[in-house]
Amino acid sequence: MSQLVWVAVGGAVGAVARYGVSNGVYGWLGRGFPWGTLAVNFFGSFLMGLLFVLMVERTALPLELRSTILVGGLGAFTTFSTFSIETLQLIEKGAWSLAALNMFASVSVCIAAVWAGVWMARMI
């Protein structure tokens, strides 16, 4: 039961962080394209790669700590469901090119980010 509580704590922190980061990005770049969602997915993917190597491959951190950060924190921070609804909204508005850009950028950039995080952690 305690592991579930730690995941919930991490989730609360991750959700608040997502809210702050995405709104900050939208305030900076506007809402014409889902920049806030792309930013948190990119940064979350990078952190997932980096922290996975450091916390799972390099050290034997307690399961509760790994679950708090990787499952709860980053799980709530990244926003695949938000990506999905924003992409659908672009399609429904007829903004097919922006929808395709969002799909391509979100997948390719976030795969590159998780790779960069893994690579960086393995270089340490």
Protein backbone atom coordinates (compact mmCIF):
# COMPACT_ATOMS: atom_id res chain seq x y z
CA MET A 1 0.00 0.00 0.00
CA SER A 2 2.82 2.44 0.73
CA GLN A 3 4.08 2.16 -2.85
CA LEU A 4 0.67 3.29 -4.11
CA VAL A 5 0.82 6.33 -1.83
CA TRP A 6 4.28 7.24 -3.16
CA VAL A 7 3.06 6.94 -6.75
CA ALA A 8 0.16 9.24 -5.86
CA VAL A 9 2.53 11.78 -4.30
CA GLY A 10 4.74 11.69 -7.39
CA GLY A 11 1.66 12.03 -9.57
CA ALA A 12 0.52 15.13 -7.70
CA VAL A 13 3.93 16.75 -8.12
CA GLY A 14 4.12 15.75 -11.80
CA ALA A 15 0.65 17.09 -12.56
CA VAL A 16 1.38 20.45 -10.94
CA ALA A 17 4.70 20.64 -12.80
CA ARG A 18 2.96 19.84 -16.10
CA TYR A 19 0.41 22.57 -15.47
CA GLY A 20 3.12 25.12 -14.73
CA VAL A 21 5.42 24.22 -17.60
CA SER A 22 2.75 23.93 -20.27
CA ASN A 23 1.03 27.17 -19.24
CA GLY A 24 4.38 28.93 -19.17
CA VAL A 25 5.16 27.71 -22.69
CA TYR A 26 1.69 28.71 -23.92
CA GLY A 27 2.17 32.15 -22.37
CA TRP A 28 5.45 32.47 -24.24
CA LEU A 29 4.52 30.95 -27.64
CA GLY A 30 0.73 31.20 -27.74
CA ARG A 31 -1.92 28.54 -28.30
CA GLY A 32 -1.94 28.34 -32.11
CA PHE A 33 -0.03 25.05 -31.87
CA PRO A 34 0.13 22.68 -28.87
CA TRP A 35 3.62 23.89 -27.86
CA GLY A 36 2.99 23.35 -24.14
CA THR A 37 2.13 19.69 -24.59
CA LEU A 38 5.04 19.14 -26.94
CA ALA A 39 7.40 20.80 -24.43
CA VAL A 40 6.33 18.67 -21.47
CA ASN A 41 6.39 15.49 -23.57
CA PHE A 42 9.88 16.32 -24.85
CA PHE A 43 11.25 17.22 -21.44
CA GLY A 44 9.47 14.30 -19.78
CA SER A 45 10.86 11.88 -22.38
CA PHE A 46 14.36 13.22 -21.85
CA LEU A 47 14.03 12.89 -18.08
CA MET A 48 12.60 9.38 -18.43
CA GLY A 49 15.64 8.27 -20.40
CA LEU A 50 18.11 9.99 -18.10
CA LEU A 51 16.53 8.94 -14.83
CA PHE A 52 15.75 5.39 -15.96
CA VAL A 53 19.44 4.73 -16.57
CA LEU A 54 20.55 6.48 -13.40
CA MET A 55 17.86 4.97 -11.15
CA VAL A 56 17.41 1.50 -12.62
CA GLU A 57 20.57 0.57 -14.51
CA ARG A 58 23.19 2.38 -12.43
CA THR A 59 21.88 2.25 -8.87
CA ALA A 60 19.64 0.03 -6.86
CA LEU A 61 17.29 2.71 -5.60
CA PRO A 62 14.31 1.51 -3.57
CA LEU A 63 11.27 0.57 -5.62
CA GLU A 64 9.18 3.21 -3.82
CA LEU A 65 11.52 6.00 -4.93
CA ARG A 66 11.70 4.77 -8.52
CA SER A 67 7.91 4.41 -8.63
CA THR A 68 7.40 7.86 -7.14
CA ILE A 69 9.57 9.57 -9.75
CA LEU A 70 9.23 7.44 -12.90
CA VAL A 71 5.65 6.20 -12.64
CA GLY A 72 3.97 8.89 -10.57
CA GLY A 73 5.97 12.02 -11.34
CA LEU A 74 6.85 11.54 -14.99
CA GLY A 75 3.64 9.63 -15.70
CA ALA A 76 1.62 12.63 -14.59
CA PHE A 77 4.03 15.15 -16.12
CA THR A 78 3.87 13.80 -19.67
CA THR A 79 0.60 14.21 -21.45
CA PHE A 80 -0.14 11.68 -24.14
CA SER A 81 -3.90 11.98 -23.64
CA THR A 82 -3.64 15.75 -23.98
CA PHE A 83 -1.56 15.28 -27.14
CA SER A 84 -4.29 13.04 -28.52
CA ILE A 85 -7.19 15.43 -27.89
CA GLU A 86 -5.24 18.46 -29.15
CA THR A 87 -4.33 16.61 -32.33
CA LEU A 88 -7.96 15.61 -32.86
CA GLN A 89 -9.04 19.22 -32.33
CA LEU A 90 -6.59 20.36 -35.01
CA ILE A 91 -8.01 17.73 -37.38
CA GLU A 92 -11.58 18.79 -36.62
CA LYS A 93 -10.64 22.41 -37.38
CA GLY A 94 -9.29 21.27 -40.73
CA ALA A 95 -5.71 22.09 -39.72
CA TRP A 96 -4.39 18.85 -41.18
CA SER A 97 -0.84 20.12 -41.65
CA LEU A 98 -0.60 21.27 -38.02
CA ALA A 99 -2.07 17.95 -36.85
CA ALA A 100 0.51 16.04 -38.90
CA LEU A 101 3.28 18.30 -37.63
CA ASN A 102 2.16 17.69 -34.05
CA MET A 103 2.09 13.91 -34.56
CA PHE A 104 5.46 13.83 -36.30
CA ALA A 105 7.14 16.24 -33.88
CA SER A 106 5.72 14.63 -30.75
CA VAL A 107 6.77 11.12 -31.72
CA SER A 108 10.14 11.83 -33.35
CA VAL A 109 11.28 14.58 -30.98
CA CYS A 110 10.26 12.63 -27.87
CA ILE A 111 11.94 9.41 -29.06
CA ALA A 112 15.05 11.50 -29.72
CA ALA A 113 14.73 13.05 -26.25
CA VAL A 114 14.50 9.70 -24.46
CA TRP A 115 17.49 8.49 -26.49
CA ALA A 116 19.44 11.64 -25.52
CA GLY A 117 18.59 11.09 -21.86
CA VAL A 118 19.75 7.45 -22.01
CA TRP A 119 22.91 8.43 -23.91
CA MET A 120 23.72 11.23 -21.46
CA ALA A 121 23.19 9.04 -18.42
CA ARG A 122 25.35 6.29 -19.85
CA MET A 123 28.14 8.80 -20.51
CA ILE A 124 28.23 9.79 -16.82
